[in-house]
């Protein structure tokens, strides 16, 4: 069995325990995005990218107290300690963390981060935002709530903001944070769709039909 296939079997049950915003379908979509970008980045190590995609949320603090899921799984795969460490470094660079992101220094890290962020915007991104908000009991919107900037990681993770606020704190910023040329191209239409959605949502809320 190929290493990527082995890893897939090991992580699928973990993701199926998460809500719809971070479930196995999320991983499938991120993988699809990553493969689209990989076609334009021939120097990238495909196996590293695919393994990092599969593992990038298994230790997500929103769903588990364990920080060692990715390490435990990596140690069961037949890959060197050096490649294990490289994969962990890629994963560490994916998280936005309220703008406190680590630098994606390799092309593999840039691909995985762009692929994950593409799934956070556009129609799917909208659906995921409200799926996560619903799972956490958050308001759809709160007109009294101001979008925060220059947040600490703790502020970003812990405050229960309304779902629409999340667009202004993160999602609308992602287009300009893409690192690969293909990622930048793919982000444009998805960003524009979110802008149109937010405008329509405001019109409906304000009775401007």
C-alpha atoms as a PDB file:
ATOM      1  CA  UNK A   1       0.000   0.000   0.000  1.00  0.00           C
ATOM      2  CA  UNK A   2       1.286   3.465  -0.878  1.00  0.00           C
ATOM      3  CA  UNK A   3       2.157   5.734   2.037  1.00  0.00           C
ATOM      4  CA  UNK A   4      -0.441   8.349   1.076  1.00  0.00           C
ATOM      5  CA  UNK A   5      -3.169   5.696   0.890  1.00  0.00           C
ATOM      6  CA  UNK A   6      -2.100   4.292   4.262  1.00  0.00           C
ATOM      7  CA  UNK A   7      -2.241   7.759   5.811  1.00  0.00           C
ATOM      8  CA  UNK A   8      -5.672   8.387   4.298  1.00  0.00           C
ATOM      9  CA  UNK A   9      -7.061   5.277   5.959  1.00  0.00           C
ATOM     10  CA  UNK A  10      -5.615   6.354   9.307  1.00  0.00           C
ATOM     11  CA  UNK A  11      -7.020   9.892   9.304  1.00  0.00           C
ATOM     12  CA  UNK A  12     -10.482   9.440   7.794  1.00  0.00           C
ATOM     13  CA  UNK A  13     -12.122   8.276  11.032  1.00  0.00           C
ATOM     14  CA  UNK A  14     -10.648  11.252  12.903  1.00  0.00           C
ATOM     15  CA  UNK A  15     -12.116  13.792  10.496  1.00  0.00           C
ATOM     16  CA  UNK A  16     -15.497  12.093  10.449  1.00  0.00           C
ATOM     17  CA  UNK A  17     -15.820  12.985  14.144  1.00  0.00           C
ATOM     18  CA  UNK A  18     -15.532  16.724  13.373  1.00  0.00           C
ATOM     19  CA  UNK A  19     -18.397  19.001  12.339  1.00  0.00           C
ATOM     20  CA  UNK A  20     -19.091  19.668   8.655  1.00  0.00           C
ATOM     21  CA  UNK A  21     -16.673  22.594   8.485  1.00  0.00           C
ATOM     22  CA  UNK A  22     -13.625  20.386   9.072  1.00  0.00           C
ATOM     23  CA  UNK A  23     -14.772  16.885   8.160  1.00  0.00           C
ATOM     24  CA  UNK A  24     -13.375  14.426   5.607  1.00  0.00           C
ATOM     25  CA  UNK A  25     -15.048  16.301   2.744  1.00  0.00           C
ATOM     26  CA  UNK A  26     -12.970  19.351   3.702  1.00  0.00           C
ATOM     27  CA  UNK A  27      -9.813  17.266   3.304  1.00  0.00           C
ATOM     28  CA  UNK A  28     -10.990  15.987  -0.090  1.00  0.00           C
ATOM     29  CA  UNK A  29     -11.574  19.533  -1.310  1.00  0.00           C
ATOM     30  CA  UNK A  30      -8.217  20.781  -0.005  1.00  0.00           C
ATOM     31  CA  UNK A  31      -6.529  17.851  -1.758  1.00  0.00           C
ATOM     32  CA  UNK A  32      -8.295  18.785  -4.986  1.00  0.00           C
ATOM     33  CA  UNK A  33      -7.101  22.377  -4.632  1.00  0.00           C
ATOM     34  CA  UNK A  34      -3.567  21.211  -3.881  1.00  0.00           C
ATOM     35  CA  UNK A  35      -3.483  18.976  -6.956  1.00  0.00           C
ATOM     36  CA  UNK A  36      -4.654  21.876  -9.126  1.00  0.00           C
ATOM     37  CA  UNK A  37      -1.805  24.025  -7.800  1.00  0.00           C
ATOM     38  CA  UNK A  38       0.710  21.168  -8.076  1.00  0.00           C
ATOM     39  CA  UNK A  39       0.150  21.067 -11.836  1.00  0.00           C
ATOM     40  CA  UNK A  40       1.701  24.536 -12.020  1.00  0.00           C
ATOM     41  CA  UNK A  41       4.535  23.851  -9.555  1.00  0.00           C
ATOM     42  CA  UNK A  42       6.601  20.995 -11.028  1.00  0.00           C
ATOM     43  CA  UNK A  43       9.428  21.383  -8.501  1.00  0.00           C
ATOM     44  CA  UNK A  44       7.186  20.510  -5.537  1.00  0.00           C
ATOM     45  CA  UNK A  45       7.382  17.161  -3.723  1.00  0.00           C
ATOM     46  CA  UNK A  46       3.934  15.669  -4.358  1.00  0.00           C
ATOM     47  CA  UNK A  47       4.077  13.141  -1.523  1.00  0.00           C
ATOM     48  CA  UNK A  48       4.976  15.792   1.045  1.00  0.00           C
ATOM     49  CA  UNK A  49       2.087  17.969  -0.108  1.00  0.00           C
ATOM     50  CA  UNK A  50      -0.448  15.141  -0.050  1.00  0.00           C
ATOM     51  CA  UNK A  51       0.599  13.880   3.386  1.00  0.00           C
ATOM     52  CA  UNK A  52       0.520  17.400   4.823  1.00  0.00           C
ATOM     53  CA  UNK A  53      -2.967  17.939   3.413  1.00  0.00           C
ATOM     54  CA  UNK A  54      -4.182  14.695   4.971  1.00  0.00           C
ATOM     55  CA  UNK A  55      -2.699  15.521   8.361  1.00  0.00           C
ATOM     56  CA  UNK A  56      -3.099  19.292   8.607  1.00  0.00           C
ATOM     57  CA  UNK A  57      -6.191  19.276  10.862  1.00  0.00           C
ATOM     58  CA  UNK A  58      -5.881  16.008  12.811  1.00  0.00           C
ATOM     59  CA  UNK A  59      -4.511  17.875  15.845  1.00  0.00           C
ATOM     60  CA  UNK A  60      -6.711  20.973  15.457  1.00  0.00           C
ATOM     61  CA  UNK A  61      -7.217  22.466  18.915  1.00  0.00           C
ATOM     62  CA  UNK A  62     -10.833  23.322  18.041  1.00  0.00           C
ATOM     63  CA  UNK A  63     -11.629  19.614  18.116  1.00  0.00           C
ATOM     64  CA  UNK A  64      -9.066  17.805  20.206  1.00  0.00           C
ATOM     65  CA  UNK A  65      -6.865  18.398  23.220  1.00  0.00           C
ATOM     66  CA  UNK A  66      -4.252  16.084  21.755  1.00  0.00           C
ATOM     67  CA  UNK A  67      -1.350  17.796  20.003  1.00  0.00           C
ATOM     68  CA  UNK A  68       0.196  14.488  19.058  1.00  0.00           C
ATOM     69  CA  UNK A  69      -2.216  12.966  16.528  1.00  0.00           C
ATOM     70  CA  UNK A  70      -0.099  14.019  13.568  1.00  0.00           C
ATOM     71  CA  UNK A  71       3.120  12.821  15.230  1.00  0.00           C
ATOM     72  CA  UNK A  72       1.569   9.476  16.183  1.00  0.00           C
ATOM     73  CA  UNK A  73       0.379   8.875  12.633  1.00  0.00           C
ATOM     74  CA  UNK A  74       3.632  10.034  11.036  1.00  0.00           C
ATOM     75  CA  UNK A  75       5.608   7.631  13.204  1.00  0.00           C
ATOM     76  CA  UNK A  76       3.511   4.745  11.871  1.00  0.00           C
ATOM     77  CA  UNK A  77       4.303   5.629   8.264  1.00  0.00           C
ATOM     78  CA  UNK A  78       7.407   4.330   6.523  1.00  0.00           C
ATOM     79  CA  UNK A  79       9.099   7.698   6.048  1.00  0.00           C
ATOM     80  CA  UNK A  80      12.283   9.168   7.460  1.00  0.00           C
ATOM     81  CA  UNK A  81      12.405  11.364  10.542  1.00  0.00           C
ATOM     82  CA  UNK A  82      13.575  14.215   8.325  1.00  0.00           C
ATOM     83  CA  UNK A  83      10.476  13.960   6.124  1.00  0.00           C
ATOM     84  CA  UNK A  84       8.284  13.658   9.219  1.00  0.00           C
ATOM     85  CA  UNK A  85       9.730  16.908  10.525  1.00  0.00           C
ATOM     86  CA  UNK A  86       9.286  18.610   7.153  1.00  0.00           C
ATOM     87  CA  UNK A  87       5.613  17.628   7.088  1.00  0.00           C
ATOM     88  CA  UNK A  88       5.116  18.982  10.605  1.00  0.00           C
ATOM     89  CA  UNK A  89       6.738  22.261   9.570  1.00  0.00           C
ATOM     90  CA  UNK A  90       4.398  22.498   6.577  1.00  0.00           C
ATOM     91  CA  UNK A  91       1.383  21.894   8.801  1.00  0.00           C
ATOM     92  CA  UNK A  92       2.550  24.496  11.322  1.00  0.00           C
ATOM     93  CA  UNK A  93       2.633  27.137   8.587  1.00  0.00           C
ATOM     94  CA  UNK A  94      -0.961  26.515   7.458  1.00  0.00           C
ATOM     95  CA  UNK A  95      -2.872  28.116  10.347  1.00  0.00           C
ATOM     96  CA  UNK A  96      -3.943  31.745  10.068  1.00  0.00           C
ATOM     97  CA  UNK A  97      -4.025  32.296  13.867  1.00  0.00           C
ATOM     98  CA  UNK A  98      -5.555  35.741  13.689  1.00  0.00           C
ATOM     99  CA  UNK A  99      -2.814  36.939  11.356  1.00  0.00           C
ATOM    100  CA  UNK A 100      -0.028  35.488  13.505  1.00  0.00           C
ATOM    101  CA  UNK A 101       0.908  32.973  10.840  1.00  0.00           C
ATOM    102  CA  UNK A 102       4.282  31.357  10.418  1.00  0.00           C
ATOM    103  CA  UNK A 103       6.085  31.985   7.158  1.00  0.00           C
ATOM    104  CA  UNK A 104       5.553  29.331   4.480  1.00  0.00           C
ATOM    105  CA  UNK A 105       9.179  28.979   3.413  1.00  0.00           C
ATOM    106  CA  UNK A 106       8.934  26.030   1.008  1.00  0.00           C
ATOM    107  CA  UNK A 107       6.872  25.601  -2.143  1.00  0.00           C
ATOM    108  CA  UNK A 108       5.179  22.608  -0.491  1.00  0.00           C
ATOM    109  CA  UNK A 109       4.095  24.748   2.465  1.00  0.00           C
ATOM    110  CA  UNK A 110       2.823  27.455   0.139  1.00  0.00           C
ATOM    111  CA  UNK A 111       0.775  24.942  -1.839  1.00  0.00           C
ATOM    112  CA  UNK A 112      -0.824  23.357   1.229  1.00  0.00           C
ATOM    113  CA  UNK A 113      -1.590  26.720   2.823  1.00  0.00           C
ATOM    114  CA  UNK A 114      -3.131  28.137  -0.357  1.00  0.00           C
ATOM    115  CA  UNK A 115      -5.136  24.943  -0.897  1.00  0.00           C
ATOM    116  CA  UNK A 116      -6.542  25.081   2.630  1.00  0.00           C
ATOM    117  CA  UNK A 117      -7.347  28.783   2.420  1.00  0.00           C
ATOM    118  CA  UNK A 118      -9.118  28.350  -0.906  1.00  0.00           C
ATOM    119  CA  UNK A 119     -11.539  26.050   0.906  1.00  0.00           C
ATOM    120  CA  UNK A 120     -12.172  28.835   3.436  1.00  0.00           C
ATOM    121  CA  UNK A 121     -13.499  31.264   0.821  1.00  0.00           C
ATOM    122  CA  UNK A 122     -16.107  31.291  -1.943  1.00  0.00           C
ATOM    123  CA  UNK A 123     -19.358  29.335  -1.767  1.00  0.00           C
ATOM    124  CA  UNK A 124     -17.803  26.492   0.196  1.00  0.00           C
ATOM    125  CA  UNK A 125     -16.158  28.950   2.566  1.00  0.00           C
ATOM    126  CA  UNK A 126     -19.514  30.581   3.260  1.00  0.00           C
ATOM    127  CA  UNK A 127     -21.107  27.198   3.934  1.00  0.00           C
ATOM    128  CA  UNK A 128     -18.254  26.162   6.213  1.00  0.00           C
ATOM    129  CA  UNK A 129     -18.384  29.402   8.184  1.00  0.00           C
ATOM    130  CA  UNK A 130     -22.035  28.979   9.052  1.00  0.00           C
ATOM    131  CA  UNK A 131     -21.637  25.239   9.648  1.00  0.00           C
ATOM    132  CA  UNK A 132     -18.907  25.964  12.199  1.00  0.00           C
ATOM    133  CA  UNK A 133     -20.870  28.843  13.723  1.00  0.00           C
ATOM    134  CA  UNK A 134     -23.939  26.647  14.072  1.00  0.00           C
ATOM    135  CA  UNK A 135     -21.939  23.849  15.671  1.00  0.00           C
ATOM    136  CA  UNK A 136     -20.545  26.351  18.188  1.00  0.00           C
ATOM    137  CA  UNK A 137     -23.839  28.131  18.835  1.00  0.00           C
ATOM    138  CA  UNK A 138     -22.705  31.445  17.379  1.00  0.00           C
ATOM    139  CA  UNK A 139     -24.945  34.234  16.071  1.00  0.00           C
ATOM    140  CA  UNK A 140     -25.324  34.657  12.326  1.00  0.00           C
ATOM    141  CA  UNK A 141     -24.390  38.333  12.680  1.00  0.00           C
ATOM    142  CA  UNK A 142     -24.029  41.000  15.331  1.00  0.00           C
ATOM    143  CA  UNK A 143     -24.212  44.646  14.255  1.00  0.00           C
ATOM    144  CA  UNK A 144     -22.679  45.783  17.546  1.00  0.00           C
ATOM    145  CA  UNK A 145     -19.581  43.676  17.028  1.00  0.00           C
ATOM    146  CA  UNK A 146     -16.527  45.246  15.436  1.00  0.00           C
ATOM    147  CA  UNK A 147     -14.074  43.173  13.465  1.00  0.00           C
ATOM    148  CA  UNK A 148     -10.785  42.828  15.310  1.00  0.00           C
ATOM    149  CA  UNK A 149      -7.351  43.341  13.814  1.00  0.00           C
ATOM    150  CA  UNK A 150      -3.879  42.775  15.246  1.00  0.00           C
ATOM    151  CA  UNK A 151      -5.212  39.986  17.444  1.00  0.00           C
ATOM    152  CA  UNK A 152      -3.186  37.618  19.560  1.00  0.00           C
ATOM    153  CA  UNK A 153      -3.574  33.915  18.845  1.00  0.00           C
ATOM    154  CA  UNK A 154      -5.481  33.569  22.134  1.00  0.00           C
ATOM    155  CA  UNK A 155      -7.913  36.368  21.249  1.00  0.00           C
ATOM    156  CA  UNK A 156      -8.533  34.893  17.828  1.00  0.00           C
ATOM    157  CA  UNK A 157      -9.140  31.400  19.164  1.00  0.00           C
ATOM    158  CA  UNK A 158     -11.191  32.179  22.254  1.00  0.00           C
ATOM    159  CA  UNK A 159     -13.682  34.957  21.510  1.00  0.00           C
ATOM    160  CA  UNK A 160     -17.050  33.701  20.279  1.00  0.00           C
ATOM    161  CA  UNK A 161     -17.672  36.173  17.457  1.00  0.00           C
ATOM    162  CA  UNK A 162     -20.666  36.066  15.118  1.00  0.00           C
ATOM    163  CA  UNK A 163     -20.223  34.205  11.834  1.00  0.00           C
ATOM    164  CA  UNK A 164     -20.423  37.314   9.644  1.00  0.00           C
ATOM    165  CA  UNK A 165     -17.728  38.996  11.728  1.00  0.00           C
ATOM    166  CA  UNK A 166     -15.398  36.146  10.772  1.00  0.00           C
ATOM    167  CA  UNK A 167     -15.552  37.271   7.138  1.00  0.00           C
ATOM    168  CA  UNK A 168     -14.060  40.631   8.080  1.00  0.00           C
ATOM    169  CA  UNK A 169     -11.519  39.230  10.524  1.00  0.00           C
ATOM    170  CA  UNK A 170     -10.168  36.560   8.187  1.00  0.00           C
ATOM    171  CA  UNK A 171     -11.957  35.382   5.058  1.00  0.00           C
ATOM    172  CA  UNK A 172     -11.948  38.646   3.108  1.00  0.00           C
ATOM    173  CA  UNK A 173      -8.224  38.991   3.819  1.00  0.00           C
ATOM    174  CA  UNK A 174      -7.175  35.639   2.385  1.00  0.00           C
ATOM    175  CA  UNK A 175      -7.185  36.574  -1.311  1.00  0.00           C
ATOM    176  CA  UNK A 176      -4.246  38.906  -0.789  1.00  0.00           C
ATOM    177  CA  UNK A 177      -2.380  36.337   1.323  1.00  0.00           C
ATOM    178  CA  UNK A 178      -2.180  33.649  -1.354  1.00  0.00           C
ATOM    179  CA  UNK A 179       1.412  32.738  -2.187  1.00  0.00           C
ATOM    180  CA  UNK A 180       1.284  30.686  -5.412  1.00  0.00           C
ATOM    181  CA  UNK A 181       0.249  32.142  -8.752  1.00  0.00           C
ATOM    182  CA  UNK A 182      -2.419  29.464  -9.240  1.00  0.00           C
ATOM    183  CA  UNK A 183      -3.720  30.076  -5.731  1.00  0.00           C
ATOM    184  CA  UNK A 184      -4.014  33.794  -6.447  1.00  0.00           C
ATOM    185  CA  UNK A 185      -5.949  33.090  -9.653  1.00  0.00           C
ATOM    186  CA  UNK A 186      -8.324  30.646  -7.970  1.00  0.00           C
ATOM    187  CA  UNK A 187      -8.956  33.015  -5.067  1.00  0.00           C
ATOM    188  CA  UNK A 188     -10.229  35.944  -7.146  1.00  0.00           C
ATOM    189  CA  UNK A 189     -13.618  34.544  -8.147  1.00  0.00           C
ATOM    190  CA  UNK A 190     -14.217  33.040  -4.721  1.00  0.00           C
ATOM    191  CA  UNK A 191     -13.442  36.372  -3.047  1.00  0.00           C
ATOM    192  CA  UNK A 192     -15.830  38.224  -5.350  1.00  0.00           C
ATOM    193  CA  UNK A 193     -18.578  35.707  -4.580  1.00  0.00           C
ATOM    194  CA  UNK A 194     -18.197  36.361  -0.848  1.00  0.00           C
ATOM    195  CA  UNK A 195     -18.410  40.122  -1.404  1.00  0.00           C
ATOM    196  CA  UNK A 196     -21.631  39.654  -3.393  1.00  0.00           C
ATOM    197  CA  UNK A 197     -23.033  37.353  -0.712  1.00  0.00           C
ATOM    198  CA  UNK A 198     -22.370  39.832   2.086  1.00  0.00           C
ATOM    199  CA  UNK A 199     -23.959  42.627   0.056  1.00  0.00           C
ATOM    200  CA  UNK A 200     -27.057  40.504  -0.602  1.00  0.00           C
ATOM    201  CA  UNK A 201     -27.241  39.479   3.051  1.00  0.00           C
ATOM    202  CA  UNK A 202     -27.158  43.132   4.108  1.00  0.00           C
ATOM    203  CA  UNK A 203     -29.844  44.054   1.566  1.00  0.00           C
ATOM    204  CA  UNK A 204     -32.163  41.318   2.813  1.00  0.00           C
ATOM    205  CA  UNK A 205     -31.575  42.239   6.444  1.00  0.00           C
ATOM    206  CA  UNK A 206     -32.206  45.913   5.718  1.00  0.00           C
ATOM    207  CA  UNK A 207     -35.382  45.168   3.756  1.00  0.00           C
ATOM    208  CA  UNK A 208     -33.888  46.402   0.473  1.00  0.00           C
ATOM    209  CA  UNK A 209     -35.530  43.795  -1.731  1.00  0.00           C
END
